[in-house]
């Protein structure tokens, strides 16, 4: 039998996300928010979800988008409706262990 070679390509955010009202953050990430909460997609895959009032999870998602290299600081700040200094403080809070994420605690 012959061998079949399969190659995979890098895929950017699904083209349907902007049609749903998502805000693109560079080529890989998108933010979709409404009154019930928000979702972040990376390369078209759901990566982060939070409900209304879960500000800690929202800040965690924004921070990790930058920390993992999925999106740039300016793009994330603009999409989340904050300035880059606010995003810097969110990231610093995550790094220092002072993050307040409802529903998560150290045992």
PDB file of N, CA and C in Angstrom:
ATOM      1  N   UNK A   1       0.832  -1.175   0.000  1.00  0.00           N
ATOM      2  CA  UNK A   1       0.000   0.000   0.000  1.00  0.00           C
ATOM      3  C   UNK A   1       0.876   1.238   0.000  1.00  0.00           C
ATOM      4  N   UNK A   2       0.416   2.268  -0.677  1.00  0.00           N
ATOM      5  CA  UNK A   2       1.132   3.535  -0.699  1.00  0.00           C
ATOM      6  C   UNK A   2       0.821   4.354   0.536  1.00  0.00           C
ATOM      7  N   UNK A   3       1.724   5.249   0.842  1.00  0.00           N
ATOM      8  CA  UNK A   3       1.525   6.121   1.998  1.00  0.00           C
ATOM      9  C   UNK A   3       0.849   7.409   1.559  1.00  0.00           C
ATOM     10  N   UNK A   4      -0.011   7.917   2.392  1.00  0.00           N
ATOM     11  CA  UNK A   4      -0.677   9.181   2.129  1.00  0.00           C
ATOM     12  C   UNK A   4      -0.099  10.224   3.063  1.00  0.00           C
ATOM     13  N   UNK A   5       0.290  11.344   2.500  1.00  0.00           N
ATOM     14  CA  UNK A   5       0.843  12.423   3.315  1.00  0.00           C
ATOM     15  C   UNK A   5      -0.233  13.482   3.523  1.00  0.00           C
ATOM     16  N   UNK A   6      -0.445  13.830   4.757  1.00  0.00           N
ATOM     17  CA  UNK A   6      -1.437  14.841   5.095  1.00  0.00           C
ATOM     18  C   UNK A   6      -0.710  16.038   5.670  1.00  0.00           C
ATOM     19  N   UNK A   7      -1.043  17.207   5.173  1.00  0.00           N
ATOM     20  CA  UNK A   7      -0.440  18.417   5.737  1.00  0.00           C
ATOM     21  C   UNK A   7      -1.529  19.286   6.336  1.00  0.00           C
ATOM     22  N   UNK A   8      -1.180  19.954   7.418  1.00  0.00           N
ATOM     23  CA  UNK A   8      -2.125  20.840   8.082  1.00  0.00           C
ATOM     24  C   UNK A   8      -1.663  22.274   7.895  1.00  0.00           C
ATOM     25  N   UNK A   9      -2.605  23.136   7.699  1.00  0.00           N
ATOM     26  CA  UNK A   9      -2.275  24.548   7.553  1.00  0.00           C
ATOM     27  C   UNK A   9      -2.694  25.299   8.801  1.00  0.00           C
ATOM     28  N   UNK A  10      -2.050  26.418   9.030  1.00  0.00           N
ATOM     29  CA  UNK A  10      -2.440  27.275  10.140  1.00  0.00           C
ATOM     30  C   UNK A  10      -3.716  27.992   9.746  1.00  0.00           C
ATOM     31  N   UNK A  11      -4.710  27.921  10.592  1.00  0.00           N
ATOM     32  CA  UNK A  11      -5.997  28.507  10.285  1.00  0.00           C
ATOM     33  C   UNK A  11      -6.234  29.721  11.171  1.00  0.00           C
ATOM     34  N   UNK A  12      -6.647  30.809  10.560  1.00  0.00           N
ATOM     35  CA  UNK A  12      -6.966  32.003  11.336  1.00  0.00           C
ATOM     36  C   UNK A  12      -8.377  31.881  11.893  1.00  0.00           C
ATOM     37  N   UNK A  13      -8.798  32.880  12.640  1.00  0.00           N
ATOM     38  CA  UNK A  13     -10.133  32.881  13.242  1.00  0.00           C
ATOM     39  C   UNK A  13     -11.194  32.626  12.181  1.00  0.00           C
ATOM     40  N   UNK A  14     -12.202  31.857  12.545  1.00  0.00           N
ATOM     41  CA  UNK A  14     -13.251  31.548  11.593  1.00  0.00           C
ATOM     42  C   UNK A  14     -13.884  32.819  11.048  1.00  0.00           C
ATOM     43  N   UNK A  15     -14.108  32.878   9.744  1.00  0.00           N
ATOM     44  CA  UNK A  15     -14.648  34.098   9.146  1.00  0.00           C
ATOM     45  C   UNK A  15     -16.037  34.460   9.645  1.00  0.00           C
ATOM     46  N   UNK A  16     -16.755  33.529  10.239  1.00  0.00           N
ATOM     47  CA  UNK A  16     -18.106  33.793  10.715  1.00  0.00           C
ATOM     48  C   UNK A  16     -18.111  34.606  12.013  1.00  0.00           C
ATOM     49  N   UNK A  17     -17.032  34.588  12.780  1.00  0.00           N
ATOM     50  CA  UNK A  17     -17.004  35.296  14.064  1.00  0.00           C
ATOM     51  C   UNK A  17     -17.298  36.788  13.931  1.00  0.00           C
ATOM     52  N   UNK A  18     -16.677  37.511  12.986  1.00  0.00           N
ATOM     53  CA  UNK A  18     -17.028  38.930  12.855  1.00  0.00           C
ATOM     54  C   UNK A  18     -18.503  39.135  12.487  1.00  0.00           C
ATOM     55  N   UNK A  19     -19.065  38.196  11.729  1.00  0.00           N
ATOM     56  CA  UNK A  19     -20.479  38.297  11.357  1.00  0.00           C
ATOM     57  C   UNK A  19     -21.394  38.161  12.570  1.00  0.00           C
ATOM     58  N   UNK A  20     -20.909  37.521  13.616  1.00  0.00           N
ATOM     59  CA  UNK A  20     -21.682  37.365  14.851  1.00  0.00           C
ATOM     60  C   UNK A  20     -21.496  38.540  15.809  1.00  0.00           C
ATOM     61  N   UNK A  21     -20.651  39.493  15.423  1.00  0.00           N
ATOM     62  CA  UNK A  21     -20.402  40.653  16.267  1.00  0.00           C
ATOM     63  C   UNK A  21     -19.133  40.554  17.084  1.00  0.00           C
ATOM     64  N   UNK A  22     -18.311  39.557  16.816  1.00  0.00           N
ATOM     65  CA  UNK A  22     -17.058  39.400  17.557  1.00  0.00           C
ATOM     66  C   UNK A  22     -16.054  40.467  17.140  1.00  0.00           C
ATOM     67  N   UNK A  23     -15.236  40.871  18.094  1.00  0.00           N
ATOM     68  CA  UNK A  23     -14.160  41.832  17.847  1.00  0.00           C
ATOM     69  C   UNK A  23     -12.877  41.030  17.666  1.00  0.00           C
ATOM     70  N   UNK A  24     -12.219  41.197  16.531  1.00  0.00           N
ATOM     71  CA  UNK A  24     -10.980  40.475  16.272  1.00  0.00           C
ATOM     72  C   UNK A  24      -9.824  41.129  17.006  1.00  0.00           C
ATOM     73  N   UNK A  25      -8.936  40.294  17.522  1.00  0.00           N
ATOM     74  CA  UNK A  25      -7.713  40.758  18.186  1.00  0.00           C
ATOM     75  C   UNK A  25      -6.553  40.128  17.431  1.00  0.00           C
ATOM     76  N   UNK A  26      -6.082  40.803  16.410  1.00  0.00           N
ATOM     77  CA  UNK A  26      -5.056  40.231  15.550  1.00  0.00           C
ATOM     78  C   UNK A  26      -5.664  39.179  14.646  1.00  0.00           C
ATOM     79  N   UNK A  27      -4.844  38.229  14.236  1.00  0.00           N
ATOM     80  CA  UNK A  27      -5.291  37.196  13.301  1.00  0.00           C
ATOM     81  C   UNK A  27      -5.792  35.930  13.985  1.00  0.00           C
ATOM     82  N   UNK A  28      -5.523  35.775  15.277  1.00  0.00           N
ATOM     83  CA  UNK A  28      -5.815  34.503  15.939  1.00  0.00           C
ATOM     84  C   UNK A  28      -6.947  34.533  16.948  1.00  0.00           C
ATOM     85  N   UNK A  29      -7.264  35.687  17.511  1.00  0.00           N
ATOM     86  CA  UNK A  29      -8.207  35.728  18.632  1.00  0.00           C
ATOM     87  C   UNK A  29      -9.399  36.625  18.332  1.00  0.00           C
ATOM     88  N   UNK A  30     -10.531  36.295  18.955  1.00  0.00           N
ATOM     89  CA  UNK A  30     -11.748  37.088  18.793  1.00  0.00           C
ATOM     90  C   UNK A  30     -12.513  37.097  20.111  1.00  0.00           C
ATOM     91  N   UNK A  31     -13.146  38.228  20.398  1.00  0.00           N
ATOM     92  CA  UNK A  31     -13.936  38.416  21.614  1.00  0.00           C
ATOM     93  C   UNK A  31     -15.387  38.641  21.230  1.00  0.00           C
ATOM     94  N   UNK A  32     -16.273  37.883  21.845  1.00  0.00           N
ATOM     95  CA  UNK A  32     -17.707  38.027  21.636  1.00  0.00           C
ATOM     96  C   UNK A  32     -18.339  38.271  22.998  1.00  0.00           C
ATOM     97  N   UNK A  33     -18.890  39.476  23.205  1.00  0.00           N
ATOM     98  CA  UNK A  33     -19.502  39.830  24.494  1.00  0.00           C
ATOM     99  C   UNK A  33     -20.917  40.335  24.286  1.00  0.00           C
ATOM    100  N   UNK A  34     -21.765  40.051  25.286  1.00  0.00           N
ATOM    101  CA  UNK A  34     -23.106  40.622  25.326  1.00  0.00           C
ATOM    102  C   UNK A  34     -23.525  40.735  26.793  1.00  0.00           C
ATOM    103  N   UNK A  35     -24.787  41.013  27.036  1.00  0.00           N
ATOM    104  CA  UNK A  35     -25.264  41.244  28.402  1.00  0.00           C
ATOM    105  C   UNK A  35     -25.148  40.008  29.295  1.00  0.00           C
ATOM    106  N   UNK A  36     -25.066  38.822  28.712  1.00  0.00           N
ATOM    107  CA  UNK A  36     -25.003  37.598  29.513  1.00  0.00           C
ATOM    108  C   UNK A  36     -23.582  37.139  29.812  1.00  0.00           C
ATOM    109  N   UNK A  37     -22.582  37.799  29.231  1.00  0.00           N
ATOM    110  CA  UNK A  37     -21.191  37.422  29.483  1.00  0.00           C
ATOM    111  C   UNK A  37     -20.344  37.525  28.234  1.00  0.00           C
ATOM    112  N   UNK A  38     -19.282  36.747  28.188  1.00  0.00           N
ATOM    113  CA  UNK A  38     -18.380  36.832  27.050  1.00  0.00           C
ATOM    114  C   UNK A  38     -17.692  35.520  26.747  1.00  0.00           C
ATOM    115  N   UNK A  39     -17.125  35.469  25.536  1.00  0.00           N
ATOM    116  CA  UNK A  39     -16.395  34.298  25.065  1.00  0.00           C
ATOM    117  C   UNK A  39     -15.193  34.780  24.276  1.00  0.00           C
ATOM    118  N   UNK A  40     -14.089  34.077  24.409  1.00  0.00           N
ATOM    119  CA  UNK A  40     -12.900  34.348  23.611  1.00  0.00           C
ATOM    120  C   UNK A  40     -12.602  33.103  22.789  1.00  0.00           C
ATOM    121  N   UNK A  41     -12.363  33.315  21.517  1.00  0.00           N
ATOM    122  CA  UNK A  41     -11.999  32.244  20.602  1.00  0.00           C
ATOM    123  C   UNK A  41     -10.556  32.447  20.166  1.00  0.00           C
ATOM    124  N   UNK A  42      -9.785  31.375  20.132  1.00  0.00           N
ATOM    125  CA  UNK A  42      -8.418  31.413  19.612  1.00  0.00           C
ATOM    126  C   UNK A  42      -8.352  30.406  18.474  1.00  0.00           C
ATOM    127  N   UNK A  43      -7.965  30.886  17.308  1.00  0.00           N
ATOM    128  CA  UNK A  43      -7.940  30.052  16.097  1.00  0.00           C
ATOM    129  C   UNK A  43      -9.280  29.361  15.869  1.00  0.00           C
ATOM    130  N   UNK A  44     -10.364  30.069  16.172  1.00  0.00           N
ATOM    131  CA  UNK A  44     -11.701  29.548  15.949  1.00  0.00           C
ATOM    132  C   UNK A  44     -12.212  28.622  17.031  1.00  0.00           C
ATOM    133  N   UNK A  45     -11.396  28.312  18.017  1.00  0.00           N
ATOM    134  CA  UNK A  45     -11.792  27.402  19.092  1.00  0.00           C
ATOM    135  C   UNK A  45     -12.133  28.190  20.354  1.00  0.00           C
ATOM    136  N   UNK A  46     -13.205  27.808  21.017  1.00  0.00           N
ATOM    137  CA  UNK A  46     -13.599  28.466  22.255  1.00  0.00           C
ATOM    138  C   UNK A  46     -12.533  28.227  23.317  1.00  0.00           C
ATOM    139  N   UNK A  47     -12.003  29.311  23.884  1.00  0.00           N
ATOM    140  CA  UNK A  47     -10.917  29.194  24.857  1.00  0.00           C
ATOM    141  C   UNK A  47     -11.299  29.689  26.251  1.00  0.00           C
ATOM    142  N   UNK A  48     -12.091  30.751  26.348  1.00  0.00           N
ATOM    143  CA  UNK A  48     -12.471  31.333  27.639  1.00  0.00           C
ATOM    144  C   UNK A  48     -13.947  31.704  27.592  1.00  0.00           C
ATOM    145  N   UNK A  49     -14.636  31.517  28.721  1.00  0.00           N
ATOM    146  CA  UNK A  49     -16.053  31.866  28.843  1.00  0.00           C
ATOM    147  C   UNK A  49     -16.284  32.448  30.228  1.00  0.00           C
ATOM    148  N   UNK A  50     -17.107  33.492  30.318  1.00  0.00           N
ATOM    149  CA  UNK A  50     -17.491  34.049  31.614  1.00  0.00           C
ATOM    150  C   UNK A  50     -18.913  34.569  31.521  1.00  0.00           C
ATOM    151  N   UNK A  51     -19.569  34.602  32.659  1.00  0.00           N
ATOM    152  CA  UNK A  51     -20.926  35.102  32.739  1.00  0.00           C
ATOM    153  C   UNK A  51     -20.951  36.561  33.165  1.00  0.00           C
ATOM    154  N   UNK A  52     -22.134  37.154  33.090  1.00  0.00           N
ATOM    155  CA  UNK A  52     -22.306  38.547  33.510  1.00  0.00           C
ATOM    156  C   UNK A  52     -21.868  38.688  34.964  1.00  0.00           C
ATOM    157  N   UNK A  53     -21.080  39.713  35.241  1.00  0.00           N
ATOM    158  CA  UNK A  53     -20.620  39.972  36.596  1.00  0.00           C
ATOM    159  C   UNK A  53     -19.373  39.208  37.008  1.00  0.00           C
ATOM    160  N   UNK A  54     -18.870  38.336  36.166  1.00  0.00           N
ATOM    161  CA  UNK A  54     -17.655  37.579  36.492  1.00  0.00           C
ATOM    162  C   UNK A  54     -16.427  38.330  35.964  1.00  0.00           C
ATOM    163  N   UNK A  55     -16.203  39.496  36.545  1.00  0.00           N
ATOM    164  CA  UNK A  55     -15.124  40.365  36.082  1.00  0.00           C
ATOM    165  C   UNK A  55     -13.747  39.740  36.245  1.00  0.00           C
ATOM    166  N   UNK A  56     -13.559  38.943  37.281  1.00  0.00           N
ATOM    167  CA  UNK A  56     -12.271  38.287  37.488  1.00  0.00           C
ATOM    168  C   UNK A  56     -11.924  37.344  36.344  1.00  0.00           C
ATOM    169  N   UNK A  57     -12.914  36.583  35.877  1.00  0.00           N
ATOM    170  CA  UNK A  57     -12.674  35.676  34.753  1.00  0.00           C
ATOM    171  C   UNK A  57     -12.435  36.451  33.462  1.00  0.00           C
ATOM    172  N   UNK A  58     -13.132  37.561  33.301  1.00  0.00           N
ATOM    173  CA  UNK A  58     -12.939  38.413  32.119  1.00  0.00           C
ATOM    174  C   UNK A  58     -11.511  38.956  32.099  1.00  0.00           C
ATOM    175  N   UNK A  59     -11.055  39.419  33.246  1.00  0.00           N
ATOM    176  CA  UNK A  59      -9.687  39.957  33.342  1.00  0.00           C
ATOM    177  C   UNK A  59      -8.651  38.861  33.143  1.00  0.00           C
ATOM    178  N   UNK A  60      -8.930  37.676  33.665  1.00  0.00           N
ATOM    179  CA  UNK A  60      -8.028  36.545  33.472  1.00  0.00           C
ATOM    180  C   UNK A  60      -7.890  36.219  31.983  1.00  0.00           C
ATOM    181  N   UNK A  61      -9.010  36.188  31.269  1.00  0.00           N
ATOM    182  CA  UNK A  61      -8.971  35.899  29.833  1.00  0.00           C
ATOM    183  C   UNK A  61      -8.142  36.936  29.092  1.00  0.00           C
ATOM    184  N   UNK A  62      -8.375  38.210  29.390  1.00  0.00           N
ATOM    185  CA  UNK A  62      -7.621  39.280  28.727  1.00  0.00           C
ATOM    186  C   UNK A  62      -6.132  39.148  29.022  1.00  0.00           C
ATOM    187  N   UNK A  63      -5.799  38.902  30.271  1.00  0.00           N
ATOM    188  CA  UNK A  63      -4.395  38.772  30.670  1.00  0.00           C
ATOM    189  C   UNK A  63      -3.727  37.604  29.965  1.00  0.00           C
ATOM    190  N   UNK A  64      -4.408  36.478  29.931  1.00  0.00           N
ATOM    191  CA  UNK A  64      -3.797  35.290  29.346  1.00  0.00           C
ATOM    192  C   UNK A  64      -3.684  35.373  27.833  1.00  0.00           C
ATOM    193  N   UNK A  65      -4.549  36.133  27.189  1.00  0.00           N
ATOM    194  CA  UNK A  65      -4.401  36.344  25.747  1.00  0.00           C
ATOM    195  C   UNK A  65      -3.044  36.964  25.435  1.00  0.00           C
ATOM    196  N   UNK A  66      -2.649  37.933  26.248  1.00  0.00           N
ATOM    197  CA  UNK A  66      -1.353  38.592  26.051  1.00  0.00           C
ATOM    198  C   UNK A  66      -0.224  37.682  26.520  1.00  0.00           C
ATOM    199  N   UNK A  67      -0.381  37.091  27.703  1.00  0.00           N
ATOM    200  CA  UNK A  67       0.683  36.271  28.288  1.00  0.00           C
ATOM    201  C   UNK A  67       1.036  35.061  27.425  1.00  0.00           C
ATOM    202  N   UNK A  68       0.067  34.502  26.732  1.00  0.00           N
ATOM    203  CA  UNK A  68       0.320  33.331  25.888  1.00  0.00           C
ATOM    204  C   UNK A  68       0.743  33.709  24.477  1.00  0.00           C
ATOM    205  N   UNK A  69       0.672  34.998  24.154  1.00  0.00           N
ATOM    206  CA  UNK A  69       1.050  35.434  22.814  1.00  0.00           C
ATOM    207  C   UNK A  69      -0.051  35.269  21.781  1.00  0.00           C
ATOM    208  N   UNK A  70      -1.269  34.973  22.233  1.00  0.00           N
ATOM    209  CA  UNK A  70      -2.379  34.806  21.296  1.00  0.00           C
ATOM    210  C   UNK A  70      -2.803  36.131  20.675  1.00  0.00           C
ATOM    211  N   UNK A  71      -2.559  37.241  21.376  1.00  0.00           N
ATOM    212  CA  UNK A  71      -2.916  38.568  20.865  1.00  0.00           C
ATOM    213  C   UNK A  71      -1.986  39.607  21.480  1.00  0.00           C
ATOM    214  N   UNK A  72      -1.898  40.743  20.826  1.00  0.00           N
ATOM    215  CA  UNK A  72      -1.035  41.834  21.269  1.00  0.00           C
ATOM    216  C   UNK A  72      -1.764  42.720  22.284  1.00  0.00           C
ATOM    217  N   UNK A  73      -0.999  43.382  23.129  1.00  0.00           N
ATOM    218  CA  UNK A  73      -1.543  44.230  24.201  1.00  0.00           C
ATOM    219  C   UNK A  73      -2.542  45.249  23.661  1.00  0.00           C
ATOM    220  N   UNK A  74      -2.168  45.993  22.643  1.00  0.00           N
ATOM    221  CA  UNK A  74      -3.051  47.045  22.121  1.00  0.00           C
ATOM    222  C   UNK A  74      -4.357  46.476  21.588  1.00  0.00           C
ATOM    223  N   UNK A  75      -4.300  45.325  20.914  1.00  0.00           N
ATOM    224  CA  UNK A  75      -5.509  44.702  20.370  1.00  0.00           C
ATOM    225  C   UNK A  75      -6.432  44.214  21.482  1.00  0.00           C
ATOM    226  N   UNK A  76      -5.859  43.610  22.509  1.00  0.00           N
ATOM    227  CA  UNK A  76      -6.656  43.100  23.632  1.00  0.00           C
ATOM    228  C   UNK A  76      -7.299  44.256  24.391  1.00  0.00           C
ATOM    229  N   UNK A  77      -6.526  45.283  24.691  1.00  0.00           N
ATOM    230  CA  UNK A  77      -7.066  46.439  25.419  1.00  0.00           C
ATOM    231  C   UNK A  77      -8.223  47.066  24.650  1.00  0.00           C
ATOM    232  N   UNK A  78      -8.049  47.256  23.354  1.00  0.00           N
ATOM    233  CA  UNK A  78      -9.111  47.858  22.538  1.00  0.00           C
ATOM    234  C   UNK A  78     -10.357  46.977  22.524  1.00  0.00           C
ATOM    235  N   UNK A  79     -10.190  45.679  22.354  1.00  0.00           N
ATOM    236  CA  UNK A  79     -11.335  44.772  22.296  1.00  0.00           C
ATOM    237  C   UNK A  79     -12.095  44.734  23.618  1.00  0.00           C
ATOM    238  N   UNK A  80     -11.379  44.777  24.740  1.00  0.00           N
ATOM    239  CA  UNK A  80     -12.008  44.715  26.055  1.00  0.00           C
ATOM    240  C   UNK A  80     -12.454  46.091  26.554  1.00  0.00           C
ATOM    241  N   UNK A  81     -12.206  47.134  25.764  1.00  0.00           N
ATOM    242  CA  UNK A  81     -12.681  48.470  26.114  1.00  0.00           C
ATOM    243  C   UNK A  81     -11.948  49.120  27.261  1.00  0.00           C
ATOM    244  N   UNK A  82     -10.653  48.809  27.403  1.00  0.00           N
ATOM    245  CA  UNK A  82      -9.840  49.415  28.457  1.00  0.00           C
ATOM    246  C   UNK A  82      -8.575  49.985  27.831  1.00  0.00           C
ATOM    247  N   UNK A  83      -7.858  50.787  28.603  1.00  0.00           N
ATOM    248  CA  UNK A  83      -6.578  51.279  28.086  1.00  0.00           C
ATOM    249  C   UNK A  83      -5.480  50.275  28.440  1.00  0.00           C
ATOM    250  N   UNK A  84      -4.324  50.460  27.836  1.00  0.00           N
ATOM    251  CA  UNK A  84      -3.233  49.504  28.045  1.00  0.00           C
ATOM    252  C   UNK A  84      -2.737  49.497  29.493  1.00  0.00           C
ATOM    253  N   UNK A  85      -2.864  50.611  30.193  1.00  0.00           N
ATOM    254  CA  UNK A  85      -2.448  50.656  31.603  1.00  0.00           C
ATOM    255  C   UNK A  85      -3.355  49.770  32.459  1.00  0.00           C
ATOM    256  N   UNK A  86      -4.661  49.797  32.192  1.00  0.00           N
ATOM    257  CA  UNK A  86      -5.578  48.908  32.927  1.00  0.00           C
ATOM    258  C   UNK A  86      -5.228  47.448  32.675  1.00  0.00           C
ATOM    259  N   UNK A  87      -4.952  47.120  31.427  1.00  0.00           N
ATOM    260  CA  UNK A  87      -4.576  45.746  31.091  1.00  0.00           C
ATOM    261  C   UNK A  87      -3.261  45.362  31.773  1.00  0.00           C
ATOM    262  N   UNK A  88      -2.328  46.279  31.846  1.00  0.00           N
ATOM    263  CA  UNK A  88      -1.060  46.020  32.541  1.00  0.00           C
ATOM    264  C   UNK A  88      -1.318  45.697  34.016  1.00  0.00           C
ATOM    265  N   UNK A  89      -2.232  46.468  34.639  1.00  0.00           N
ATOM    266  CA  UNK A  89      -2.565  46.220  36.051  1.00  0.00           C
ATOM    267  C   UNK A  89      -3.240  44.857  36.229  1.00  0.00           C
ATOM    268  N   UNK A  90      -4.120  44.491  35.301  1.00  0.00           N
ATOM    269  CA  UNK A  90      -4.763  43.178  35.372  1.00  0.00           C
ATOM    270  C   UNK A  90      -3.712  42.079  35.319  1.00  0.00           C
ATOM    271  N   UNK A  91      -2.759  42.217  34.400  1.00  0.00           N
ATOM    272  CA  UNK A  91      -1.707  41.211  34.243  1.00  0.00           C
ATOM    273  C   UNK A  91      -0.821  41.154  35.483  1.00  0.00           C
ATOM    274  N   UNK A  92      -0.509  42.316  36.032  1.00  0.00           N
ATOM    275  CA  UNK A  92       0.321  42.364  37.237  1.00  0.00           C
ATOM    276  C   UNK A  92      -0.409  41.693  38.398  1.00  0.00           C
ATOM    277  N   UNK A  93      -1.699  41.928  38.517  1.00  0.00           N
ATOM    278  CA  UNK A  93      -2.501  41.312  39.566  1.00  0.00           C
ATOM    279  C   UNK A  93      -2.493  39.790  39.420  1.00  0.00           C
ATOM    280  N   UNK A  94      -2.580  39.300  38.195  1.00  0.00           N
ATOM    281  CA  UNK A  94      -2.520  37.854  37.949  1.00  0.00           C
ATOM    282  C   UNK A  94      -1.161  37.303  38.365  1.00  0.00           C
ATOM    283  N   UNK A  95      -0.099  38.010  37.993  1.00  0.00           N
ATOM    284  CA  UNK A  95       1.262  37.560  38.297  1.00  0.00           C
ATOM    285  C   UNK A  95       1.550  37.537  39.793  1.00  0.00           C
ATOM    286  N   UNK A  96       0.977  38.497  40.519  1.00  0.00           N
ATOM    287  CA  UNK A  96       1.278  38.600  41.947  1.00  0.00           C
ATOM    288  C   UNK A  96       0.419  37.676  42.805  1.00  0.00           C
ATOM    289  N   UNK A  97      -0.532  36.998  42.181  1.00  0.00           N
ATOM    290  CA  UNK A  97      -1.385  36.085  42.931  1.00  0.00           C
ATOM    291  C   UNK A  97      -2.517  36.773  43.662  1.00  0.00           C
ATOM    292  N   UNK A  98      -2.759  38.049  43.375  1.00  0.00           N
ATOM    293  CA  UNK A  98      -3.837  38.779  44.032  1.00  0.00           C
ATOM    294  C   UNK A  98      -5.119  38.773  43.212  1.00  0.00           C
ATOM    295  N   UNK A  99      -5.154  37.964  42.172  1.00  0.00           N
ATOM    296  CA  UNK A  99      -6.341  37.925  41.319  1.00  0.00           C
ATOM    297  C   UNK A  99      -7.526  37.381  42.105  1.00  0.00           C
ATOM    298  N   UNK A 100      -8.660  37.958  41.886  1.00  0.00           N
ATOM    299  CA  UNK A 100      -9.880  37.510  42.534  1.00  0.00           C
ATOM    300  C   UNK A 100     -10.769  36.884  41.459  1.00  0.00           C
ATOM    301  N   UNK A 101     -10.738  35.575  41.368  1.00  0.00           N
ATOM    302  CA  UNK A 101     -11.551  34.865  40.395  1.00  0.00           C
ATOM    303  C   UNK A 101     -12.614  34.097  41.160  1.00  0.00           C
ATOM    304  N   UNK A 102     -13.860  34.517  41.002  1.00  0.00           N
ATOM    305  CA  UNK A 102     -14.968  33.894  41.703  1.00  0.00           C
ATOM    306  C   UNK A 102     -15.083  32.428  41.308  1.00  0.00           C
ATOM    307  N   UNK A 103     -15.222  31.572  42.281  1.00  0.00           N
ATOM    308  CA  UNK A 103     -15.403  30.157  42.014  1.00  0.00           C
ATOM    309  C   UNK A 103     -14.109  29.362  42.036  1.00  0.00           C
ATOM    310  N   UNK A 104     -12.985  30.029  42.094  1.00  0.00           N
ATOM    311  CA  UNK A 104     -11.706  29.330  42.147  1.00  0.00           C
ATOM    312  C   UNK A 104     -11.012  29.682  43.452  1.00  0.00           C
ATOM    313  N   UNK A 105     -10.528  28.667  44.149  1.00  0.00           N
ATOM    314  CA  UNK A 105      -9.780  28.940  45.367  1.00  0.00           C
ATOM    315  C   UNK A 105      -8.758  27.835  45.588  1.00  0.00           C
ATOM    316  N   UNK A 106      -7.722  28.178  46.287  1.00  0.00           N
ATOM    317  CA  UNK A 106      -6.675  27.219  46.602  1.00  0.00           C
ATOM    318  C   UNK A 106      -7.123  26.380  47.778  1.00  0.00           C
ATOM    319  N   UNK A 107      -6.944  25.090  47.691  1.00  0.00           N
ATOM    320  CA  UNK A 107      -7.335  24.186  48.785  1.00  0.00           C
ATOM    321  C   UNK A 107      -6.135  23.752  49.545  1.00  0.00           C
TER     322      UNK A 107
END
